[in-house]
C-alpha atoms as a PDB file:
ATOM      1  CA  UNK A   1    -153.247 -82.109  -9.388  1.00  0.00           C
ATOM      2  CA  UNK A   2    -155.015 -81.743  -6.096  1.00  0.00           C
ATOM      3  CA  UNK A   3    -153.117 -84.148  -3.851  1.00  0.00           C
ATOM      4  CA  UNK A   4    -149.324 -84.390  -3.612  1.00  0.00           C
ATOM      5  CA  UNK A   5    -147.880 -87.598  -2.164  1.00  0.00           C
ATOM      6  CA  UNK A   6    -144.416 -86.189  -1.687  1.00  0.00           C
ATOM      7  CA  UNK A   7    -141.658 -88.579  -0.648  1.00  0.00           C
ATOM      8  CA  UNK A   8    -137.974 -88.573   0.243  1.00  0.00           C
ATOM      9  CA  UNK A   9    -136.427 -92.050   0.187  1.00  0.00           C
ATOM     10  CA  UNK A  10    -133.100 -93.728   0.595  1.00  0.00           C
ATOM     11  CA  UNK A  11    -133.867 -97.169  -0.799  1.00  0.00           C
ATOM     12  CA  UNK A  12    -137.191 -96.611  -2.676  1.00  0.00           C
ATOM     13  CA  UNK A  13    -139.466 -98.125  -0.031  1.00  0.00           C
ATOM     14  CA  UNK A  14    -141.000 -94.753   0.849  1.00  0.00           C
ATOM     15  CA  UNK A  15    -141.620 -94.136  -2.841  1.00  0.00           C
ATOM     16  CA  UNK A  16    -143.534 -97.455  -2.977  1.00  0.00           C
ATOM     17  CA  UNK A  17    -145.734 -96.226  -0.107  1.00  0.00           C
ATOM     18  CA  UNK A  18    -146.398 -92.873  -1.868  1.00  0.00           C
ATOM     19  CA  UNK A  19    -147.148 -94.633  -5.181  1.00  0.00           C
ATOM     20  CA  UNK A  20    -149.597 -96.990  -3.497  1.00  0.00           C
ATOM     21  CA  UNK A  21    -151.436 -94.135  -1.763  1.00  0.00           C
ATOM     22  CA  UNK A  22    -151.582 -92.111  -4.956  1.00  0.00           C
ATOM     23  CA  UNK A  23    -153.139 -95.092  -6.763  1.00  0.00           C
ATOM     24  CA  UNK A  24    -155.690 -95.696  -3.974  1.00  0.00           C
ATOM     25  CA  UNK A  25    -156.680 -91.979  -3.988  1.00  0.00           C
ATOM     26  CA  UNK A  26    -156.898 -92.057  -7.832  1.00  0.00           C
ATOM     27  CA  UNK A  27    -159.214 -95.073  -7.627  1.00  0.00           C
ATOM     28  CA  UNK A  28    -161.398 -93.111  -5.193  1.00  0.00           C
ATOM     29  CA  UNK A  29    -161.726 -90.291  -7.853  1.00  0.00           C
ATOM     30  CA  UNK A  30    -159.176 -87.830  -6.531  1.00  0.00           C
ATOM     31  CA  UNK A  31    -156.327 -86.223  -8.528  1.00  0.00           C
ATOM     32  CA  UNK A  32    -153.274 -87.528  -6.820  1.00  0.00           C
ATOM     33  CA  UNK A  33    -149.620 -87.614  -7.804  1.00  0.00           C
ATOM     34  CA  UNK A  34    -146.579 -89.241  -6.073  1.00  0.00           C
ATOM     35  CA  UNK A  35    -143.394 -87.245  -6.544  1.00  0.00           C
ATOM     36  CA  UNK A  36    -139.976 -86.999  -5.032  1.00  0.00           C
ATOM     37  CA  UNK A  37    -140.057 -83.897  -2.861  1.00  0.00           C
ATOM     38  CA  UNK A  38    -136.773 -82.777  -4.298  1.00  0.00           C
ATOM     39  CA  UNK A  39    -138.420 -82.592  -7.806  1.00  0.00           C
ATOM     40  CA  UNK A  40    -141.483 -80.571  -6.810  1.00  0.00           C
ATOM     41  CA  UNK A  41    -141.153 -77.014  -8.152  1.00  0.00           C
ATOM     42  CA  UNK A  42    -144.880 -76.273  -8.291  1.00  0.00           C
ATOM     43  CA  UNK A  43    -146.088 -76.945  -4.761  1.00  0.00           C
ATOM     44  CA  UNK A  44    -148.726 -74.213  -5.070  1.00  0.00           C
ATOM     45  CA  UNK A  45    -150.593 -76.409  -7.598  1.00  0.00           C
ATOM     46  CA  UNK A  46    -151.722 -78.746  -4.814  1.00  0.00           C
ATOM     47  CA  UNK A  47    -154.531 -78.521  -2.235  1.00  0.00           C
ATOM     48  CA  UNK A  48    -153.529 -81.440  -0.035  1.00  0.00           C
ATOM     49  CA  UNK A  49    -150.061 -82.574   0.932  1.00  0.00           C
ATOM     50  CA  UNK A  50    -149.176 -86.011   2.277  1.00  0.00           C
ATOM     51  CA  UNK A  51    -145.428 -85.871   2.865  1.00  0.00           C
ATOM     52  CA  UNK A  52    -143.513 -88.968   3.704  1.00  0.00           C
ATOM     53  CA  UNK A  53    -139.848 -89.373   4.336  1.00  0.00           C
ATOM     54  CA  UNK A  54    -137.371 -92.000   5.425  1.00  0.00           C
ATOM     55  CA  UNK A  55    -135.933 -91.351   8.823  1.00  0.00           C
ATOM     56  CA  UNK A  56    -132.216 -91.862   9.265  1.00  0.00           C
ATOM     57  CA  UNK A  57    -130.337 -90.730  12.359  1.00  0.00           C
ATOM     58  CA  UNK A  58    -133.619 -89.691  14.106  1.00  0.00           C
ATOM     59  CA  UNK A  59    -134.350 -87.095  11.372  1.00  0.00           C
ATOM     60  CA  UNK A  60    -136.039 -86.845   7.940  1.00  0.00           C
ATOM     61  CA  UNK A  61    -133.778 -87.005   4.890  1.00  0.00           C
ATOM     62  CA  UNK A  62    -132.525 -83.651   3.571  1.00  0.00           C
ATOM     63  CA  UNK A  63    -134.936 -83.370   0.628  1.00  0.00           C
ATOM     64  CA  UNK A  64    -137.968 -83.691   2.863  1.00  0.00           C
ATOM     65  CA  UNK A  65    -136.705 -81.058   5.312  1.00  0.00           C
ATOM     66  CA  UNK A  66    -135.771 -78.800   2.401  1.00  0.00           C
ATOM     67  CA  UNK A  67    -139.227 -79.155   0.776  1.00  0.00           C
ATOM     68  CA  UNK A  68    -140.975 -78.033   3.955  1.00  0.00           C
ATOM     69  CA  UNK A  69    -138.511 -75.151   4.583  1.00  0.00           C
ATOM     70  CA  UNK A  70    -138.724 -74.047   0.887  1.00  0.00           C
ATOM     71  CA  UNK A  71    -142.550 -74.154   0.730  1.00  0.00           C
ATOM     72  CA  UNK A  72    -143.621 -72.508   3.972  1.00  0.00           C
ATOM     73  CA  UNK A  73    -145.484 -69.932   1.961  1.00  0.00           C
ATOM     74  CA  UNK A  74    -147.609 -72.670   0.370  1.00  0.00           C
ATOM     75  CA  UNK A  75    -148.179 -74.918   3.455  1.00  0.00           C
ATOM     76  CA  UNK A  76    -151.196 -74.243   5.652  1.00  0.00           C
ATOM     77  CA  UNK A  77    -149.649 -72.292   8.520  1.00  0.00           C
ATOM     78  CA  UNK A  78    -148.836 -69.555   6.085  1.00  0.00           C
ATOM     79  CA  UNK A  79    -151.959 -69.002   4.020  1.00  0.00           C
ATOM     80  CA  UNK A  80    -155.706 -69.144   3.911  1.00  0.00           C
ATOM     81  CA  UNK A  81    -158.366 -69.769   6.494  1.00  0.00           C
ATOM     82  CA  UNK A  82    -159.152 -73.101   8.130  1.00  0.00           C
ATOM     83  CA  UNK A  83    -161.649 -73.695   5.289  1.00  0.00           C
ATOM     84  CA  UNK A  84    -159.414 -72.722   2.371  1.00  0.00           C
ATOM     85  CA  UNK A  85    -155.821 -73.546   3.298  1.00  0.00           C
ATOM     86  CA  UNK A  86    -154.253 -76.755   2.138  1.00  0.00           C
ATOM     87  CA  UNK A  87    -154.295 -79.849   4.281  1.00  0.00           C
ATOM     88  CA  UNK A  88    -150.963 -81.392   5.305  1.00  0.00           C
ATOM     89  CA  UNK A  89    -150.022 -84.729   6.815  1.00  0.00           C
ATOM     90  CA  UNK A  90    -146.490 -85.810   7.326  1.00  0.00           C
ATOM     91  CA  UNK A  91    -145.190 -89.242   8.167  1.00  0.00           C
ATOM     92  CA  UNK A  92    -141.913 -90.988   8.410  1.00  0.00           C
ATOM     93  CA  UNK A  93    -140.710 -94.544   7.855  1.00  0.00           C
ATOM     94  CA  UNK A  94    -137.714 -96.124   9.485  1.00  0.00           C
ATOM     95  CA  UNK A  95    -136.252 -99.634   9.647  1.00  0.00           C
ATOM     96  CA  UNK A  96    -137.217-101.676  12.686  1.00  0.00           C
END
């Protein structure tokens, strides 16, 4: 897989967002997979990371924070050059 749509969700809404984005990217010809961040044990298999997590109490859920903390060696600040390192985008969702 090239693109990880990682999610951490409390009530499955963030999973729905990740699934939808993965489908759109797949339709555009990219290899994309939506996975719960807590289940990803092969982060180095991805080139692009779109990480989304539910926000409760003004912070990401634990699995989202743990994924970032546990994969600092794979995420862009830690490896490669601007041309070769993975791309990362993070977003959060919260009830209004």
